[in-house]
C-alpha atoms as a PDB file:
ATOM      1  CA  MET A   1      47.789  27.774 -80.572  1.00  0.00           C
ATOM      2  CA  SER A   2      46.950  31.106 -81.726  1.00  0.00           C
ATOM      3  CA  LYS A   3      48.126  32.607 -85.211  1.00  0.00           C
ATOM      4  CA  GLU A   4      49.960  35.351 -83.412  1.00  0.00           C
ATOM      5  CA  MET A   5      51.994  33.064 -81.605  1.00  0.00           C
ATOM      6  CA  HIS A   6      53.165  31.238 -85.005  1.00  0.00           C
ATOM      7  CA  GLN A   7      54.027  34.615 -86.162  1.00  0.00           C
ATOM      8  CA  ILE A   8      56.172  35.145 -83.131  1.00  0.00           C
ATOM      9  CA  ASP A   9      57.872  31.858 -83.510  1.00  0.00           C
ATOM     10  CA  ASP A  10      58.751  32.554 -87.296  1.00  0.00           C
ATOM     11  CA  ASP A  11      60.120  35.955 -86.683  1.00  0.00           C
ATOM     12  CA  PRO A  12      63.856  35.700 -87.824  1.00  0.00           C
ATOM     13  CA  GLN A  13      64.891  38.346 -85.048  1.00  0.00           C
ATOM     14  CA  PRO A  14      65.188  37.133 -81.620  1.00  0.00           C
ATOM     15  CA  ARG A  15      62.616  38.043 -79.301  1.00  0.00           C
ATOM     16  CA  LYS A  16      63.673  40.369 -76.461  1.00  0.00           C
ATOM     17  CA  SER A  17      62.038  40.127 -73.011  1.00  0.00           C
ATOM     18  CA  ARG A  18      59.348  42.589 -72.126  1.00  0.00           C
ATOM     19  CA  PHE A  19      61.347  43.419 -69.116  1.00  0.00           C
ATOM     20  CA  SER A  20      64.616  44.281 -71.203  1.00  0.00           C
ATOM     21  CA  PHE A  21      65.945  47.787 -70.431  1.00  0.00           C
ATOM     22  CA  ASP A  22      67.588  48.293 -73.859  1.00  0.00           C
ATOM     23  CA  GLY A  23      65.828  51.299 -75.103  1.00  0.00           C
ATOM     24  CA  PRO A  24      66.748  51.594 -78.811  1.00  0.00           C
ATOM     25  CA  GLU A  25      66.243  47.746 -79.655  1.00  0.00           C
ATOM     26  CA  SER A  26      63.018  47.520 -77.698  1.00  0.00           C
ATOM     27  CA  GLU A  27      59.914  46.872 -79.724  1.00  0.00           C
ATOM     28  CA  SER A  28      57.478  49.602 -80.607  1.00  0.00           C
ATOM     29  CA  GLU A  29      54.601  50.089 -77.993  1.00  0.00           C
ATOM     30  CA  PRO A  30      51.836  49.099 -80.310  1.00  0.00           C
ATOM     31  CA  GLU A  31      53.515  46.014 -81.472  1.00  0.00           C
ATOM     32  CA  ARG A  32      54.174  44.871 -77.825  1.00  0.00           C
ATOM     33  CA  VAL A  33      50.695  45.688 -76.772  1.00  0.00           C
ATOM     34  CA  ARG A  34      49.244  43.721 -79.699  1.00  0.00           C
ATOM     35  CA  ARG A  35      51.379  40.763 -78.783  1.00  0.00           C
ATOM     36  CA  GLU A  36      50.687  40.981 -74.996  1.00  0.00           C
ATOM     37  CA  ALA A  37      46.976  41.392 -75.774  1.00  0.00           C
ATOM     38  CA  SER A  38      47.124  38.336 -77.982  1.00  0.00           C
ATOM     39  CA  ILE A  39      49.132  36.340 -75.402  1.00  0.00           C
ATOM     40  CA  ASP A  40      46.900  37.368 -72.757  1.00  0.00           C
ATOM     41  CA  SER A  41      43.803  36.486 -74.533  1.00  0.00           C
ATOM     42  CA  ASP A  42      45.101  32.865 -74.926  1.00  0.00           C
ATOM     43  CA  ASP A  43      46.047  32.793 -71.337  1.00  0.00           C
ATOM     44  CA  ALA A  44      42.673  34.091 -70.328  1.00  0.00           C
ATOM     45  CA  MET A  45      41.148  31.421 -72.262  1.00  0.00           C
ATOM     46  CA  VAL A  46      43.436  28.782 -70.736  1.00  0.00           C
ATOM     47  CA  GLU A  47      42.801  30.440 -67.199  1.00  0.00           C
ATOM     48  CA  GLU A  48      39.021  30.422 -68.050  1.00  0.00           C
ATOM     49  CA  ARG A  49      39.076  26.762 -68.777  1.00  0.00           C
ATOM     50  CA  ASN A  50      41.175  26.081 -65.771  1.00  0.00           C
ATOM     51  CA  TYR A  51      38.883  28.246 -63.555  1.00  0.00           C
ATOM     52  CA  ALA A  52      35.861  26.383 -65.121  1.00  0.00           C
ATOM     53  CA  GLY A  53      37.338  22.913 -64.201  1.00  0.00           C
ATOM     54  CA  THR A  54      38.380  24.251 -60.676  1.00  0.00           C
ATOM     55  CA  GLN A  55      34.687  25.376 -60.236  1.00  0.00           C
ATOM     56  CA  GLN A  56      33.394  22.170 -61.523  1.00  0.00           C
ATOM     57  CA  GLU A  57      35.414  20.214 -59.026  1.00  0.00           C
ATOM     58  CA  ALA A  58      34.626  22.370 -56.347  1.00  0.00           C
ATOM     59  CA  ARG A  59      30.925  21.883 -57.066  1.00  0.00           C
ATOM     60  CA  GLN A  60      31.608  18.058 -57.098  1.00  0.00           C
ATOM     61  CA  SER A  61      33.633  18.368 -53.837  1.00  0.00           C
ATOM     62  CA  GLU A  62      30.775  20.319 -52.319  1.00  0.00           C
ATOM     63  CA  SER A  63      28.087  17.843 -53.620  1.00  0.00           C
ATOM     64  CA  ARG A  64      30.052  14.983 -52.011  1.00  0.00           C
ATOM     65  CA  TYR A  65      30.534  16.920 -48.931  1.00  0.00           C
ATOM     66  CA  ARG A  66      26.800  17.813 -48.946  1.00  0.00           C
ATOM     67  CA  GLY A  67      25.923  14.100 -49.401  1.00  0.00           C
ATOM     68  CA  GLN A  68      27.976  13.115 -46.323  1.00  0.00           C
ATOM     69  CA  THR A  69      26.657  15.904 -44.231  1.00  0.00           C
ATOM     70  CA  SER A  70      23.009  16.808 -45.340  1.00  0.00           C
ATOM     71  CA  ARG A  71      20.441  14.361 -44.089  1.00  0.00           C
ATOM     72  CA  ARG A  72      18.146  15.418 -46.714  1.00  0.00           C
ATOM     73  CA  GLU A  73      20.549  14.586 -49.595  1.00  0.00           C
ATOM     74  CA  ALA A  74      22.281  11.639 -48.164  1.00  0.00           C
ATOM     75  CA  ILE A  75      19.141   9.790 -46.634  1.00  0.00           C
ATOM     76  CA  PRO A  76      16.178   8.513 -48.991  1.00  0.00           C
ATOM     77  CA  GLU A  77      12.998  10.014 -48.269  1.00  0.00           C
ATOM     78  CA  GLY A  78      11.521   6.945 -46.746  1.00  0.00           C
ATOM     79  CA  LEU A  79      14.368   6.657 -44.349  1.00  0.00           C
ATOM     80  CA  VAL A  80      13.799  10.332 -43.330  1.00  0.00           C
ATOM     81  CA  HIS A  81      10.247   9.538 -42.321  1.00  0.00           C
ATOM     82  CA  SER A  82      11.517   6.338 -40.532  1.00  0.00           C
ATOM     83  CA  TYR A  83      14.138   8.522 -38.531  1.00  0.00           C
ATOM     84  CA  THR A  84      11.406  11.121 -37.956  1.00  0.00           C
ATOM     85  CA  GLY A  85       9.170   8.395 -36.688  1.00  0.00           C
ATOM     86  CA  GLN A  86      11.842   7.019 -34.329  1.00  0.00           C
ATOM     87  CA  GLY A  87      12.432  10.519 -32.902  1.00  0.00           C
ATOM     88  CA  ILE A  88       8.896  10.964 -32.197  1.00  0.00           C
ATOM     89  CA  ALA A  89       8.634   7.772 -30.362  1.00  0.00           C
ATOM     90  CA  LYS A  90      11.616   8.540 -28.273  1.00  0.00           C
ATOM     91  CA  LEU A  91      10.363  11.951 -27.327  1.00  0.00           C
ATOM     92  CA  PHE A  92       7.055  10.226 -26.489  1.00  0.00           C
ATOM     93  CA  MET A  93       8.893   7.611 -24.169  1.00  0.00           C
ATOM     94  CA  GLN A  94      10.840  10.394 -22.544  1.00  0.00           C
ATOM     95  CA  VAL A  95       7.478  12.250 -21.803  1.00  0.00           C
ATOM     96  CA  ILE A  96       6.021   9.268 -20.342  1.00  0.00           C
ATOM     97  CA  SER A  97       9.067   8.365 -18.195  1.00  0.00           C
ATOM     98  CA  SER A  98       8.990  11.973 -16.864  1.00  0.00           C
ATOM     99  CA  VAL A  99       5.308  11.658 -15.968  1.00  0.00           C
ATOM    100  CA  ILE A 100       5.797   8.403 -14.260  1.00  0.00           C
ATOM    101  CA  GLY A 101       8.858   9.873 -12.324  1.00  0.00           C
ATOM    102  CA  VAL A 102       6.640  12.826 -11.234  1.00  0.00           C
ATOM    103  CA  GLY A 103       3.973  10.453 -10.141  1.00  0.00           C
ATOM    104  CA  VAL A 104       6.493   8.354  -8.002  1.00  0.00           C
ATOM    105  CA  VAL A 105       8.054  11.418  -6.420  1.00  0.00           C
ATOM    106  CA  THR A 106       4.504  12.869  -5.592  1.00  0.00           C
ATOM    107  CA  ALA A 107       3.219   9.648  -4.029  1.00  0.00           C
ATOM    108  CA  THR A 108       6.378   9.427  -1.944  1.00  0.00           C
ATOM    109  CA  LEU A 109       5.883  12.958  -0.725  1.00  0.00           C
ATOM    110  CA  PHE A 110       2.289  12.288  -0.062  1.00  0.00           C
ATOM    111  CA  SER A 111       2.995   9.167   1.875  1.00  0.00           C
ATOM    112  CA  LEU A 112       5.596  11.122   3.964  1.00  0.00           C
ATOM    113  CA  TRP A 113       3.030  13.991   4.632  1.00  0.00           C
ATOM    114  CA  MET A 114       0.188  11.610   5.619  1.00  0.00           C
ATOM    115  CA  PRO A 115       1.525   8.506   7.307  1.00  0.00           C
ATOM    116  CA  GLY A 116      -0.701   5.655   8.158  1.00  0.00           C
ATOM    117  CA  SER A 117      -0.503   6.435  11.959  1.00  0.00           C
ATOM    118  CA  LEU A 118      -2.589   9.602  11.166  1.00  0.00           C
ATOM    119  CA  MET A 119      -5.294   7.766   9.616  1.00  0.00           C
ATOM    120  CA  PRO A 120      -8.267   6.385  11.697  1.00  0.00           C
ATOM    121  CA  GLY A 121      -7.998   2.565  12.118  1.00  0.00           C
ATOM    122  CA  ASN A 122     -11.456   1.840  10.774  1.00  0.00           C
ATOM    123  CA  LEU A 123     -10.631   3.826   7.458  1.00  0.00           C
ATOM    124  CA  GLN A 124      -7.394   1.934   7.137  1.00  0.00           C
ATOM    125  CA  ASN A 125      -9.289  -1.222   7.479  1.00  0.00           C
ATOM    126  CA  ARG A 126     -11.900  -0.302   5.027  1.00  0.00           C
ATOM    127  CA  LEU A 127      -9.201   1.004   2.487  1.00  0.00           C
ATOM    128  CA  ALA A 128      -7.604  -2.540   2.818  1.00  0.00           C
ATOM    129  CA  GLN A 129     -10.892  -4.357   2.197  1.00  0.00           C
ATOM    130  CA  ALA A 130     -11.636  -2.180  -0.790  1.00  0.00           C
ATOM    131  CA  ALA A 131      -8.240  -3.084  -2.242  1.00  0.00           C
ATOM    132  CA  ASN A 132      -8.771  -6.798  -1.579  1.00  0.00           C
ATOM    133  CA  PRO A 133     -12.392  -7.576  -1.544  1.00  0.00           C
ATOM    134  CA  SER A 134     -11.798 -11.309  -1.298  1.00  0.00           C
ATOM    135  CA  GLN A 135     -10.287 -10.713   2.070  1.00  0.00           C
ATOM    136  CA  VAL A 136     -13.606 -11.013   4.171  1.00  0.00           C
ATOM    137  CA  GLU A 137     -12.094 -11.056   7.537  1.00  0.00           C
ATOM    138  CA  VAL A 138      -9.041  -8.868   9.047  1.00  0.00           C
ATOM    139  CA  LEU A 139      -6.795 -10.505  11.751  1.00  0.00           C
ATOM    140  CA  THR A 140      -6.996  -9.276  15.188  1.00  0.00           C
ATOM    141  CA  PRO A 141      -3.514  -7.901  16.635  1.00  0.00           C
ATOM    142  CA  GLU A 142      -1.200 -10.653  17.327  1.00  0.00           C
ATOM    143  CA  ALA A 143      -1.015 -11.903  20.983  1.00  0.00           C
ATOM    144  CA  GLU A 144       1.442 -10.462  23.259  1.00  0.00           C
ATOM    145  CA  THR A 145       4.738 -12.311  23.225  1.00  0.00           C
ATOM    146  CA  ALA A 146       5.421 -11.921  27.086  1.00  0.00           C
ATOM    147  CA  VAL A 147       6.916 -15.187  28.399  1.00  0.00           C
ATOM    148  CA  LEU A 148       4.722 -16.727  30.798  1.00  0.00           C
ATOM    149  CA  PRO A 149       6.048 -18.363  34.086  1.00  0.00           C
ATOM    150  CA  SER A 150       7.367 -21.924  33.831  1.00  0.00           C
ATOM    151  CA  GLY A 151       4.438 -24.319  34.216  1.00  0.00           C
ATOM    152  CA  PHE A 152       1.843 -21.522  33.766  1.00  0.00           C
ATOM    153  CA  PRO A 153      -1.561 -23.565  32.709  1.00  0.00           C
ATOM    154  CA  ALA A 154      -2.151 -21.557  29.412  1.00  0.00           C
ATOM    155  CA  LYS A 155      -4.712 -24.361  28.320  1.00  0.00           C
ATOM    156  CA  LYS A 156      -6.923 -23.977  31.403  1.00  0.00           C
ATOM    157  CA  ILE A 157      -9.998 -21.861  31.422  1.00  0.00           C
ATOM    158  CA  GLY A 158     -11.954 -20.695  34.455  1.00  0.00           C
ATOM    159  CA  ILE A 159     -15.751 -20.053  34.280  1.00  0.00           C
ATOM    160  CA  VAL A 160     -17.387 -18.024  37.051  1.00  0.00           C
ATOM    161  CA  VAL A 161     -20.934 -18.741  37.421  1.00  0.00           C
ATOM    162  CA  GLY A 162     -22.352 -15.396  38.320  1.00  0.00           C
ATOM    163  CA  HIS A 163     -23.920 -15.142  41.783  1.00  0.00           C
ATOM    164  CA  ARG A 164     -23.358 -18.828  42.462  1.00  0.00           C
ATOM    165  CA  GLY A 165     -22.731 -19.525  46.060  1.00  0.00           C
ATOM    166  CA  SER A 166     -23.810 -16.046  46.972  1.00  0.00           C
ATOM    167  CA  ASP A 167     -27.333 -15.023  45.782  1.00  0.00           C
ATOM    168  CA  SER A 168     -29.724 -15.441  42.973  1.00  0.00           C
ATOM    169  CA  GLY A 169     -29.013 -12.266  41.227  1.00  0.00           C
ATOM    170  CA  ALA A 170     -31.875 -10.626  39.711  1.00  0.00           C
ATOM    171  CA  VAL A 171     -35.490 -12.143  40.067  1.00  0.00           C
ATOM    172  CA  CYS A 172     -38.049 -11.697  37.361  1.00  0.00           C
ATOM    173  CA  SER A 173     -41.881 -11.341  38.176  1.00  0.00           C
ATOM    174  CA  ASN A 174     -42.515 -14.930  36.773  1.00  0.00           C
ATOM    175  CA  GLY A 175     -39.918 -16.453  39.117  1.00  0.00           C
ATOM    176  CA  LEU A 176     -37.083 -16.534  36.750  1.00  0.00           C
ATOM    177  CA  THR A 177     -33.564 -15.939  38.287  1.00  0.00           C
ATOM    178  CA  GLU A 178     -30.271 -14.683  36.908  1.00  0.00           C
ATOM    179  CA  LEU A 179     -28.408 -17.504  38.562  1.00  0.00           C
ATOM    180  CA  GLU A 180     -30.607 -19.975  36.745  1.00  0.00           C
ATOM    181  CA  VAL A 181     -29.747 -18.605  33.270  1.00  0.00           C
ATOM    182  CA  ASN A 182     -25.974 -18.188  34.117  1.00  0.00           C
ATOM    183  CA  SER A 183     -25.663 -21.891  35.525  1.00  0.00           C
ATOM    184  CA  ASN A 184     -27.255 -23.174  32.414  1.00  0.00           C
ATOM    185  CA  VAL A 185     -25.114 -21.323  29.905  1.00  0.00           C
ATOM    186  CA  ALA A 186     -21.894 -22.026  32.037  1.00  0.00           C
ATOM    187  CA  THR A 187     -22.709 -25.783  32.227  1.00  0.00           C
ATOM    188  CA  PHE A 188     -22.810 -26.136  28.092  1.00  0.00           C
ATOM    189  CA  MET A 189     -19.853 -24.073  27.809  1.00  0.00           C
ATOM    190  CA  GLN A 190     -17.766 -26.450  30.181  1.00  0.00           C
ATOM    191  CA  MET A 191     -18.810 -29.236  28.285  1.00  0.00           C
ATOM    192  CA  LYS A 192     -17.901 -27.839  24.953  1.00  0.00           C
ATOM    193  CA  LEU A 193     -14.601 -26.536  25.866  1.00  0.00           C
ATOM    194  CA  ILE A 194     -13.621 -29.842  27.506  1.00  0.00           C
ATOM    195  CA  ASP A 195     -14.451 -31.527  24.251  1.00  0.00           C
ATOM    196  CA  MET A 196     -12.110 -29.079  22.513  1.00  0.00           C
ATOM    197  CA  GLY A 197      -9.368 -30.207  24.709  1.00  0.00           C
ATOM    198  CA  TYR A 198      -9.232 -27.418  27.456  1.00  0.00           C
ATOM    199  CA  ASP A 199      -8.969 -27.840  31.243  1.00  0.00           C
ATOM    200  CA  VAL A 200     -12.262 -26.103  32.333  1.00  0.00           C
ATOM    201  CA  GLU A 201     -13.521 -25.552  35.849  1.00  0.00           C
ATOM    202  CA  LEU A 202     -16.575 -23.903  37.168  1.00  0.00           C
ATOM    203  CA  LEU A 203     -16.223 -21.193  40.024  1.00  0.00           C
ATOM    204  CA  ASP A 204     -18.432 -19.554  42.415  1.00  0.00           C
ATOM    205  CA  GLU A 205     -19.017 -15.617  42.495  1.00  0.00           C
ATOM    206  CA  PHE A 206     -16.561 -15.236  45.450  1.00  0.00           C
ATOM    207  CA  ASP A 207     -14.682 -18.463  45.134  1.00  0.00           C
ATOM    208  CA  SER A 208     -11.571 -18.636  47.264  1.00  0.00           C
ATOM    209  CA  ARG A 209      -9.675 -20.135  44.360  1.00  0.00           C
ATOM    210  CA  LEU A 210      -9.793 -16.784  42.506  1.00  0.00           C
ATOM    211  CA  LYS A 211      -6.809 -15.567  44.660  1.00  0.00           C
ATOM    212  CA  ASP A 212      -3.896 -15.461  42.332  1.00  0.00           C
ATOM    213  CA  TYR A 213      -5.825 -17.785  39.833  1.00  0.00           C
ATOM    214  CA  GLN A 214      -3.771 -18.664  36.889  1.00  0.00           C
ATOM    215  CA  ALA A 215      -5.259 -19.669  33.717  1.00  0.00           C
ATOM    216  CA  GLY A 216      -5.102 -18.978  29.981  1.00  0.00           C
ATOM    217  CA  LEU A 217      -8.453 -17.115  30.342  1.00  0.00           C
ATOM    218  CA  LEU A 218     -11.100 -16.442  33.174  1.00  0.00           C
ATOM    219  CA  ILE A 219     -14.701 -15.389  32.058  1.00  0.00           C
ATOM    220  CA  SER A 220     -17.784 -14.531  34.265  1.00  0.00           C
ATOM    221  CA  ILE A 221     -21.259 -15.206  33.052  1.00  0.00           C
ATOM    222  CA  HIS A 222     -24.208 -12.835  33.990  1.00  0.00           C
ATOM    223  CA  ALA A 223     -27.492 -11.728  32.661  1.00  0.00           C
ATOM    224  CA  ASP A 224     -29.005  -8.209  32.833  1.00  0.00           C
ATOM    225  CA  SER A 225     -32.086  -6.604  34.567  1.00  0.00           C
ATOM    226  CA  CYS A 226     -35.474  -8.215  34.457  1.00  0.00           C
ATOM    227  CA  ASP A 227     -37.084  -4.604  34.622  1.00  0.00           C
ATOM    228  CA  TYR A 228     -38.279  -3.113  31.395  1.00  0.00           C
ATOM    229  CA  ILE A 229     -36.137   0.038  30.719  1.00  0.00           C
ATOM    230  CA  ASN A 230     -36.981   0.935  27.025  1.00  0.00           C
ATOM    231  CA  ASP A 231     -37.240  -0.736  23.775  1.00  0.00           C
ATOM    232  CA  SER A 232     -33.344  -0.405  23.481  1.00  0.00           C
ATOM    233  CA  ALA A 233     -32.736  -2.655  26.484  1.00  0.00           C
ATOM    234  CA  THR A 234     -32.089  -5.728  24.475  1.00  0.00           C
ATOM    235  CA  GLY A 235     -28.646  -7.448  23.502  1.00  0.00           C
ATOM    236  CA  PHE A 236     -25.450  -8.441  25.162  1.00  0.00           C
ATOM    237  CA  LYS A 237     -22.492  -6.727  26.901  1.00  0.00           C
ATOM    238  CA  VAL A 238     -18.963  -7.673  27.179  1.00  0.00           C
ATOM    239  CA  ALA A 239     -15.878  -6.169  29.050  1.00  0.00           C
ATOM    240  CA  ALA A 240     -12.443  -7.132  29.767  1.00  0.00           C
ATOM    241  CA  ALA A 241     -10.260  -6.585  32.732  1.00  0.00           C
ATOM    242  CA  LEU A 242      -8.494  -3.347  32.612  1.00  0.00           C
ATOM    243  CA  SER A 243      -4.642  -4.112  32.784  1.00  0.00           C
ATOM    244  CA  GLU A 244      -1.624  -1.905  31.528  1.00  0.00           C
ATOM    245  CA  THR A 245       0.403  -4.944  31.073  1.00  0.00           C
ATOM    246  CA  LYS A 246      -2.272  -6.999  29.144  1.00  0.00           C
ATOM    247  CA  SER A 247      -4.342  -4.313  27.255  1.00  0.00           C
ATOM    248  CA  GLU A 248      -3.892  -5.959  23.960  1.00  0.00           C
ATOM    249  CA  ASN A 249      -4.993  -9.309  25.217  1.00  0.00           C
ATOM    250  CA  SER A 250      -8.195  -7.696  26.648  1.00  0.00           C
ATOM    251  CA  ASN A 251      -8.989  -5.835  23.748  1.00  0.00           C
ATOM    252  CA  ARG A 252      -8.628  -8.754  21.480  1.00  0.00           C
ATOM    253  CA  LEU A 253     -10.890 -10.894  23.927  1.00  0.00           C
ATOM    254  CA  VAL A 254     -13.619  -8.330  23.689  1.00  0.00           C
ATOM    255  CA  GLN A 255     -13.489  -8.231  19.938  1.00  0.00           C
ATOM    256  CA  CYS A 256     -13.483 -12.027  19.482  1.00  0.00           C
ATOM    257  CA  VAL A 257     -16.420 -12.584  21.944  1.00  0.00           C
ATOM    258  CA  ALA A 258     -18.522  -9.700  20.678  1.00  0.00           C
ATOM    259  CA  ASP A 259     -18.058 -10.795  17.165  1.00  0.00           C
ATOM    260  CA  ARG A 260     -18.642 -14.486  17.551  1.00  0.00           C
ATOM    261  CA  TYR A 261     -21.596 -13.948  20.016  1.00  0.00           C
ATOM    262  CA  ALA A 262     -23.383 -11.639  17.754  1.00  0.00           C
ATOM    263  CA  ASN A 263     -22.968 -13.645  14.782  1.00  0.00           C
ATOM    264  CA  ILE A 264     -24.354 -16.897  16.265  1.00  0.00           C
ATOM    265  CA  THR A 265     -27.182 -15.538  18.726  1.00  0.00           C
ATOM    266  CA  GLY A 266     -28.356 -12.542  16.531  1.00  0.00           C
ATOM    267  CA  LEU A 267     -28.305 -10.393  19.553  1.00  0.00           C
ATOM    268  CA  ARG A 268     -27.031  -6.823  19.379  1.00  0.00           C
ATOM    269  CA  TYR A 269     -23.788  -5.816  21.091  1.00  0.00           C
ATOM    270  CA  HIS A 270     -24.990  -3.153  23.425  1.00  0.00           C
ATOM    271  CA  TYR A 271     -21.798  -1.725  24.255  1.00  0.00           C
ATOM    272  CA  GLN A 272     -23.202   1.834  25.057  1.00  0.00           C
ATOM    273  CA  SER A 273     -24.572   0.339  28.459  1.00  0.00           C
ATOM    274  CA  VAL A 274     -21.282  -1.181  29.703  1.00  0.00           C
ATOM    275  CA  THR A 275     -21.124  -0.174  33.380  1.00  0.00           C
ATOM    276  CA  ASN A 276     -17.937   0.339  35.829  1.00  0.00           C
ATOM    277  CA  ASP A 277     -19.430  -2.690  37.702  1.00  0.00           C
ATOM    278  CA  MET A 278     -18.282  -4.664  34.725  1.00  0.00           C
ATOM    279  CA  THR A 279     -14.948  -3.030  33.954  1.00  0.00           C
ATOM    280  CA  ARG A 280     -14.021  -3.046  37.713  1.00  0.00           C
ATOM    281  CA  TYR A 281     -15.395  -6.618  38.245  1.00  0.00           C
ATOM    282  CA  HIS A 282     -14.064  -7.687  41.664  1.00  0.00           C
ATOM    283  CA  ALA A 283     -12.481 -11.025  40.411  1.00  0.00           C
ATOM    284  CA  PHE A 284     -10.184  -8.916  37.874  1.00  0.00           C
ATOM    285  CA  SER A 285      -8.158  -7.525  40.933  1.00  0.00           C
ATOM    286  CA  GLU A 286      -7.801 -11.074  42.567  1.00  0.00           C
ATOM    287  CA  ILE A 287      -6.427 -13.096  39.823  1.00  0.00           C
ATOM    288  CA  ASP A 288      -2.982 -13.630  38.711  1.00  0.00           C
ATOM    289  CA  PRO A 289      -1.629 -10.747  36.385  1.00  0.00           C
ATOM    290  CA  ASN A 290      -0.823 -13.071  33.693  1.00  0.00           C
ATOM    291  CA  THR A 291      -4.309 -14.427  33.570  1.00  0.00           C
ATOM    292  CA  THR A 292      -6.452 -12.678  30.694  1.00  0.00           C
ATOM    293  CA  ALA A 293     -10.167 -12.151  32.108  1.00  0.00           C
ATOM    294  CA  GLY A 294     -13.383 -10.885  30.799  1.00  0.00           C
ATOM    295  CA  ILE A 295     -17.119 -10.663  31.753  1.00  0.00           C
ATOM    296  CA  ILE A 296     -20.263 -11.139  29.639  1.00  0.00           C
ATOM    297  CA  GLU A 297     -23.900 -10.344  30.293  1.00  0.00           C
ATOM    298  CA  VAL A 298     -25.509 -12.583  27.898  1.00  0.00           C
ATOM    299  CA  GLY A 299     -28.812 -10.649  27.551  1.00  0.00           C
ATOM    300  CA  PHE A 300     -31.778  -8.803  29.262  1.00  0.00           C
ATOM    301  CA  LEU A 301     -33.912 -10.745  31.307  1.00  0.00           C
ATOM    302  CA  ASN A 302     -36.981  -8.774  30.150  1.00  0.00           C
ATOM    303  CA  LEU A 303     -36.801  -8.328  26.404  1.00  0.00           C
ATOM    304  CA  ASP A 304     -34.366 -11.145  25.757  1.00  0.00           C
ATOM    305  CA  GLN A 305     -36.022 -13.653  28.045  1.00  0.00           C
ATOM    306  CA  GLU A 306     -37.366 -16.035  25.512  1.00  0.00           C
ATOM    307  CA  ILE A 307     -33.829 -16.779  23.899  1.00  0.00           C
ATOM    308  CA  LEU A 308     -32.194 -16.912  27.366  1.00  0.00           C
ATOM    309  CA  THR A 309     -34.503 -19.479  28.633  1.00  0.00           C
ATOM    310  CA  SER A 310     -35.023 -21.707  25.451  1.00  0.00           C
ATOM    311  CA  LYS A 311     -31.710 -21.571  23.837  1.00  0.00           C
ATOM    312  CA  PRO A 312     -29.087 -21.595  26.544  1.00  0.00           C
ATOM    313  CA  GLU A 313     -26.939 -24.000  24.544  1.00  0.00           C
ATOM    314  CA  LEU A 314     -26.861 -21.599  21.457  1.00  0.00           C
ATOM    315  CA  LEU A 315     -25.585 -18.738  23.983  1.00  0.00           C
ATOM    316  CA  ALA A 316     -22.893 -21.161  24.892  1.00  0.00           C
ATOM    317  CA  ASP A 317     -21.898 -21.833  21.442  1.00  0.00           C
ATOM    318  CA  GLY A 318     -21.661 -18.058  21.004  1.00  0.00           C
ATOM    319  CA  ILE A 319     -19.170 -17.640  23.957  1.00  0.00           C
ATOM    320  CA  VAL A 320     -17.072 -20.628  23.152  1.00  0.00           C
ATOM    321  CA  ALA A 321     -16.641 -19.418  19.554  1.00  0.00           C
ATOM    322  CA  GLY A 322     -15.457 -16.211  21.100  1.00  0.00           C
ATOM    323  CA  ILE A 323     -13.019 -18.003  23.333  1.00  0.00           C
ATOM    324  CA  LYS A 324     -11.717 -20.105  20.420  1.00  0.00           C
ATOM    325  CA  CYS A 325     -11.136 -16.950  18.356  1.00  0.00           C
ATOM    326  CA  TYR A 326      -9.050 -15.309  21.224  1.00  0.00           C
ATOM    327  CA  MET A 327      -7.131 -18.442  22.246  1.00  0.00           C
ATOM    328  CA  ASN A 328      -6.184 -19.446  18.512  1.00  0.00           C
ATOM    329  CA  ASN A 329      -5.747 -15.799  17.390  1.00  0.00           C
ATOM    330  CA  GLU A 330      -8.522 -16.050  14.662  1.00  0.00           C
ATOM    331  CA  GLY A 331      -9.784 -12.973  12.737  1.00  0.00           C
ATOM    332  CA  VAL A 332     -13.015 -11.083  13.353  1.00  0.00           C
ATOM    333  CA  SER A 333     -15.238  -9.404  10.578  1.00  0.00           C
ATOM    334  CA  ASP A 334     -15.224  -6.003  12.379  1.00  0.00           C
ATOM    335  CA  PRO A 335     -12.007  -5.152  14.107  1.00  0.00           C
ATOM    336  CA  GLY A 336     -13.310  -1.737  15.122  1.00  0.00           C
ATOM    337  CA  VAL A 337     -15.627  -3.220  17.658  1.00  0.00           C
ATOM    338  CA  GLN A 338     -15.745  -1.078  20.767  1.00  0.00           C
ATOM    339  CA  PRO A 339     -13.875  -2.840  23.625  1.00  0.00           C
END
């Protein structure tokens, strides 16, 4: 307590309020100013100390607040780096997810813009083989699911021996006839197919049995010209009956026979020279509509004469393998073979 305050307490005269309105008894102005100044000084010191304490408490409160709200002051430096790394990782994953999402959307739009039906058949097959190199063969189209009439002989196979019962066919300068080649190949085919469990019969060129003939398959055996045409006149040809209701069966028969016969005999598929006489073969219009039919010319009697006369059983093996491929819906190595 200040000295002035002690003096005021010791004053025998009662102190009057500064706000007293008694004029004559009020203290003189200098004494009042001195005491107010003294009191104000002490009050200022007290207020200064109170203010300082208040400021200190405010700073402590602010420090605590900052410690709760400021990441830099509240989190140790190591944790700051950890949180930063987590933030970067999260951002990276978001970017990757966005890129994947864009890729999926792009692929979907592309697939909608370019459907598989607009791509060439051979291109689709090559792409499929490239994606799966282990798949050497591509299955031929599934057989038609049309219901055959009750009792239809699906395991029966008819073989027309070209020109038999009519004429000798082409005759070569050395006496070789087309009928001779056709008969030898057809005989070997009949034996092999019977061993496989089929009901097989040989038919003449204009056999009366061809009328409404019912069988799982009918195939006619022929050979090409004895005349020299050019060096390209070598190989075999195969065609199927033109049918709106069984076109899928016909195409599959051509693919199977062409694939197996070429692989076994080594002869080339000479599809460029398939004639109207083959595609409009007379027996095709005579047989039952449910009978799938085809015709093959096993080779040229000129340039292919050696294999036609010395290896008729090999030729039969090639045709039988093609029939087995068709009947069992097996695969072919080149589904793009021209029908």
